[in-house]
């Protein structure tokens, strides 16, 4: 059974940083695209970033230059380094996995999801 477990969320002031982690039980991990999405109250789930098994990355325009996605295939873990956080980044952040070679910004393209971790940015 596929399990994705996020960690690292919390409360941070605007301008601060957080690092999210997602431990994945998908196998083989290196054959999966890993993505981060977020959902704020009353809004639809939106794409944040994705990384292919080979390390090709894709970002939403709203986070380019501030967020960095990376992965450690030896540890079956994907990370999201978030810098210069803004109040509008406040949301539940979800990790997702897709058995494919190409990244995708569409939530429906992903097969497995974690439970999410709350990120709150205060002004």
C-alpha atoms as a PDB file:
ATOM      1  CA  UNK A   1       0.000   0.000   0.000  1.00  0.00           C
ATOM      2  CA  UNK A   2       1.329   3.378  -1.028  1.00  0.00           C
ATOM      3  CA  UNK A   3       1.982   5.802   1.791  1.00  0.00           C
ATOM      4  CA  UNK A   4       3.065   9.410   1.571  1.00  0.00           C
ATOM      5  CA  UNK A   5       3.759  11.148   4.864  1.00  0.00           C
ATOM      6  CA  UNK A   6       4.395  14.881   4.977  1.00  0.00           C
ATOM      7  CA  UNK A   7       6.152  16.724   7.773  1.00  0.00           C
ATOM      8  CA  UNK A   8       7.685  20.111   8.476  1.00  0.00           C
ATOM      9  CA  UNK A   9       4.681  22.383   8.411  1.00  0.00           C
ATOM     10  CA  UNK A  10       4.067  25.034  11.038  1.00  0.00           C
ATOM     11  CA  UNK A  11       3.589  28.699  11.825  1.00  0.00           C
ATOM     12  CA  UNK A  12       6.098  31.210  10.490  1.00  0.00           C
ATOM     13  CA  UNK A  13       6.229  34.968  10.072  1.00  0.00           C
ATOM     14  CA  UNK A  14       6.153  36.572   6.656  1.00  0.00           C
ATOM     15  CA  UNK A  15       9.617  36.521   5.123  1.00  0.00           C
ATOM     16  CA  UNK A  16      10.548  33.362   6.978  1.00  0.00           C
ATOM     17  CA  UNK A  17      11.365  29.871   5.755  1.00  0.00           C
ATOM     18  CA  UNK A  18      10.140  26.323   6.172  1.00  0.00           C
ATOM     19  CA  UNK A  19      11.247  22.989   4.789  1.00  0.00           C
ATOM     20  CA  UNK A  20       8.640  20.331   4.074  1.00  0.00           C
ATOM     21  CA  UNK A  21       9.503  16.666   3.732  1.00  0.00           C
ATOM     22  CA  UNK A  22       7.530  13.781   2.260  1.00  0.00           C
ATOM     23  CA  UNK A  23       8.527  10.189   2.927  1.00  0.00           C
ATOM     24  CA  UNK A  24       7.134   7.892   0.245  1.00  0.00           C
ATOM     25  CA  UNK A  25       6.634   4.152   0.175  1.00  0.00           C
ATOM     26  CA  UNK A  26       6.103   4.093  -3.615  1.00  0.00           C
ATOM     27  CA  UNK A  27       8.346   1.650  -5.466  1.00  0.00           C
ATOM     28  CA  UNK A  28      10.472   2.176  -7.348  1.00  0.00           C
ATOM     29  CA  UNK A  29      10.671   5.717  -6.003  1.00  0.00           C
ATOM     30  CA  UNK A  30      12.974   6.863  -8.789  1.00  0.00           C
ATOM     31  CA  UNK A  31      10.288   5.994 -11.367  1.00  0.00           C
ATOM     32  CA  UNK A  32       7.759   8.358  -9.807  1.00  0.00           C
ATOM     33  CA  UNK A  33       7.239  12.030 -10.366  1.00  0.00           C
ATOM     34  CA  UNK A  34       6.762  13.696  -6.995  1.00  0.00           C
ATOM     35  CA  UNK A  35       4.657  16.805  -6.618  1.00  0.00           C
ATOM     36  CA  UNK A  36       3.621  19.352  -4.026  1.00  0.00           C
ATOM     37  CA  UNK A  37       0.176  20.917  -4.077  1.00  0.00           C
ATOM     38  CA  UNK A  38      -1.592  23.217  -1.650  1.00  0.00           C
ATOM     39  CA  UNK A  39      -5.141  24.048  -0.714  1.00  0.00           C
ATOM     40  CA  UNK A  40      -6.277  27.126   1.154  1.00  0.00           C
ATOM     41  CA  UNK A  41      -9.709  27.296   2.857  1.00  0.00           C
ATOM     42  CA  UNK A  42     -12.460  27.769   0.301  1.00  0.00           C
ATOM     43  CA  UNK A  43     -10.105  27.349  -2.633  1.00  0.00           C
ATOM     44  CA  UNK A  44      -9.278  24.558  -5.038  1.00  0.00           C
ATOM     45  CA  UNK A  45      -6.136  22.487  -4.712  1.00  0.00           C
ATOM     46  CA  UNK A  46      -3.366  24.138  -6.690  1.00  0.00           C
ATOM     47  CA  UNK A  47      -0.042  23.028  -8.081  1.00  0.00           C
ATOM     48  CA  UNK A  48       3.111  24.220  -6.333  1.00  0.00           C
ATOM     49  CA  UNK A  49       6.051  22.214  -7.701  1.00  0.00           C
ATOM     50  CA  UNK A  50       7.020  18.847  -9.141  1.00  0.00           C
ATOM     51  CA  UNK A  51      10.187  16.894  -9.794  1.00  0.00           C
ATOM     52  CA  UNK A  52      10.793  13.939 -12.077  1.00  0.00           C
ATOM     53  CA  UNK A  53      12.802  10.877 -11.152  1.00  0.00           C
ATOM     54  CA  UNK A  54      15.714  12.370 -13.063  1.00  0.00           C
ATOM     55  CA  UNK A  55      15.496  15.693 -11.275  1.00  0.00           C
ATOM     56  CA  UNK A  56      13.663  17.853 -13.820  1.00  0.00           C
ATOM     57  CA  UNK A  57      11.625  20.436 -11.941  1.00  0.00           C
ATOM     58  CA  UNK A  58       8.521  22.507 -12.596  1.00  0.00           C
ATOM     59  CA  UNK A  59       7.127  25.349 -10.500  1.00  0.00           C
ATOM     60  CA  UNK A  60       3.989  27.415 -10.288  1.00  0.00           C
ATOM     61  CA  UNK A  61       4.648  31.031 -11.234  1.00  0.00           C
ATOM     62  CA  UNK A  62       3.573  32.148  -7.778  1.00  0.00           C
ATOM     63  CA  UNK A  63       6.470  30.326  -6.086  1.00  0.00           C
ATOM     64  CA  UNK A  64       9.256  30.570  -8.667  1.00  0.00           C
ATOM     65  CA  UNK A  65      12.418  31.966  -7.137  1.00  0.00           C
ATOM     66  CA  UNK A  66      11.159  31.371  -3.586  1.00  0.00           C
ATOM     67  CA  UNK A  67      10.510  27.622  -3.375  1.00  0.00           C
ATOM     68  CA  UNK A  68      12.847  24.772  -4.293  1.00  0.00           C
ATOM     69  CA  UNK A  69      11.798  21.155  -4.764  1.00  0.00           C
ATOM     70  CA  UNK A  70      14.370  18.379  -4.445  1.00  0.00           C
ATOM     71  CA  UNK A  71      14.453  14.649  -3.893  1.00  0.00           C
ATOM     72  CA  UNK A  72      16.709  12.023  -2.370  1.00  0.00           C
ATOM     73  CA  UNK A  73      16.060   8.768  -4.207  1.00  0.00           C
ATOM     74  CA  UNK A  74      18.158   6.823  -1.715  1.00  0.00           C
ATOM     75  CA  UNK A  75      15.857   7.952   1.108  1.00  0.00           C
ATOM     76  CA  UNK A  76      12.567   7.856  -0.845  1.00  0.00           C
ATOM     77  CA  UNK A  77      11.995  11.435   0.223  1.00  0.00           C
ATOM     78  CA  UNK A  78      11.024  14.650  -1.530  1.00  0.00           C
ATOM     79  CA  UNK A  79      11.544  18.105  -0.050  1.00  0.00           C
ATOM     80  CA  UNK A  80      10.091  21.545  -0.527  1.00  0.00           C
ATOM     81  CA  UNK A  81      12.286  24.399   0.671  1.00  0.00           C
ATOM     82  CA  UNK A  82      10.136  27.497   1.078  1.00  0.00           C
ATOM     83  CA  UNK A  83      11.766  30.901   1.489  1.00  0.00           C
ATOM     84  CA  UNK A  84      10.442  34.460   1.586  1.00  0.00           C
ATOM     85  CA  UNK A  85       7.083  33.139   2.692  1.00  0.00           C
ATOM     86  CA  UNK A  86       4.014  35.315   2.277  1.00  0.00           C
ATOM     87  CA  UNK A  87       0.629  35.218   4.042  1.00  0.00           C
ATOM     88  CA  UNK A  88      -0.898  34.041   0.757  1.00  0.00           C
ATOM     89  CA  UNK A  89       1.237  30.887   0.988  1.00  0.00           C
ATOM     90  CA  UNK A  90      -0.914  29.801   3.938  1.00  0.00           C
ATOM     91  CA  UNK A  91      -2.516  26.462   3.071  1.00  0.00           C
ATOM     92  CA  UNK A  92      -2.455  22.747   3.674  1.00  0.00           C
ATOM     93  CA  UNK A  93       0.418  21.354   1.622  1.00  0.00           C
ATOM     94  CA  UNK A  94       0.058  17.908   0.064  1.00  0.00           C
ATOM     95  CA  UNK A  95       2.635  15.551  -1.345  1.00  0.00           C
ATOM     96  CA  UNK A  96       1.641  13.477  -4.387  1.00  0.00           C
ATOM     97  CA  UNK A  97       3.163  10.714  -6.512  1.00  0.00           C
ATOM     98  CA  UNK A  98       2.750   9.894 -10.194  1.00  0.00           C
ATOM     99  CA  UNK A  99       4.145   6.803 -11.914  1.00  0.00           C
ATOM    100  CA  UNK A 100       5.420   8.650 -14.981  1.00  0.00           C
ATOM    101  CA  UNK A 101       8.549  10.207 -16.436  1.00  0.00           C
ATOM    102  CA  UNK A 102       7.095  13.690 -16.975  1.00  0.00           C
ATOM    103  CA  UNK A 103       5.976  16.230 -14.402  1.00  0.00           C
ATOM    104  CA  UNK A 104       2.409  17.526 -14.456  1.00  0.00           C
ATOM    105  CA  UNK A 105       0.658  20.491 -12.786  1.00  0.00           C
ATOM    106  CA  UNK A 106      -2.739  18.725 -12.854  1.00  0.00           C
ATOM    107  CA  UNK A 107      -3.843  17.111  -9.572  1.00  0.00           C
ATOM    108  CA  UNK A 108      -5.797  14.447 -11.472  1.00  0.00           C
ATOM    109  CA  UNK A 109      -2.512  13.216 -12.975  1.00  0.00           C
ATOM    110  CA  UNK A 110      -1.296  11.968  -9.609  1.00  0.00           C
ATOM    111  CA  UNK A 111      -2.089   8.509  -8.257  1.00  0.00           C
ATOM    112  CA  UNK A 112      -1.282   8.805  -4.571  1.00  0.00           C
ATOM    113  CA  UNK A 113      -1.603  11.569  -1.992  1.00  0.00           C
ATOM    114  CA  UNK A 114      -0.476  12.275   1.518  1.00  0.00           C
ATOM    115  CA  UNK A 115      -2.676  13.619   4.297  1.00  0.00           C
ATOM    116  CA  UNK A 116      -1.208  17.096   4.162  1.00  0.00           C
ATOM    117  CA  UNK A 117       0.645  19.410   6.511  1.00  0.00           C
ATOM    118  CA  UNK A 118      -0.508  22.874   7.552  1.00  0.00           C
ATOM    119  CA  UNK A 119       1.619  25.896   6.709  1.00  0.00           C
ATOM    120  CA  UNK A 120       0.546  29.194   8.231  1.00  0.00           C
ATOM    121  CA  UNK A 121       2.326  32.447   7.427  1.00  0.00           C
ATOM    122  CA  UNK A 122       1.494  35.385   9.663  1.00  0.00           C
ATOM    123  CA  UNK A 123       1.797  38.979   8.535  1.00  0.00           C
END
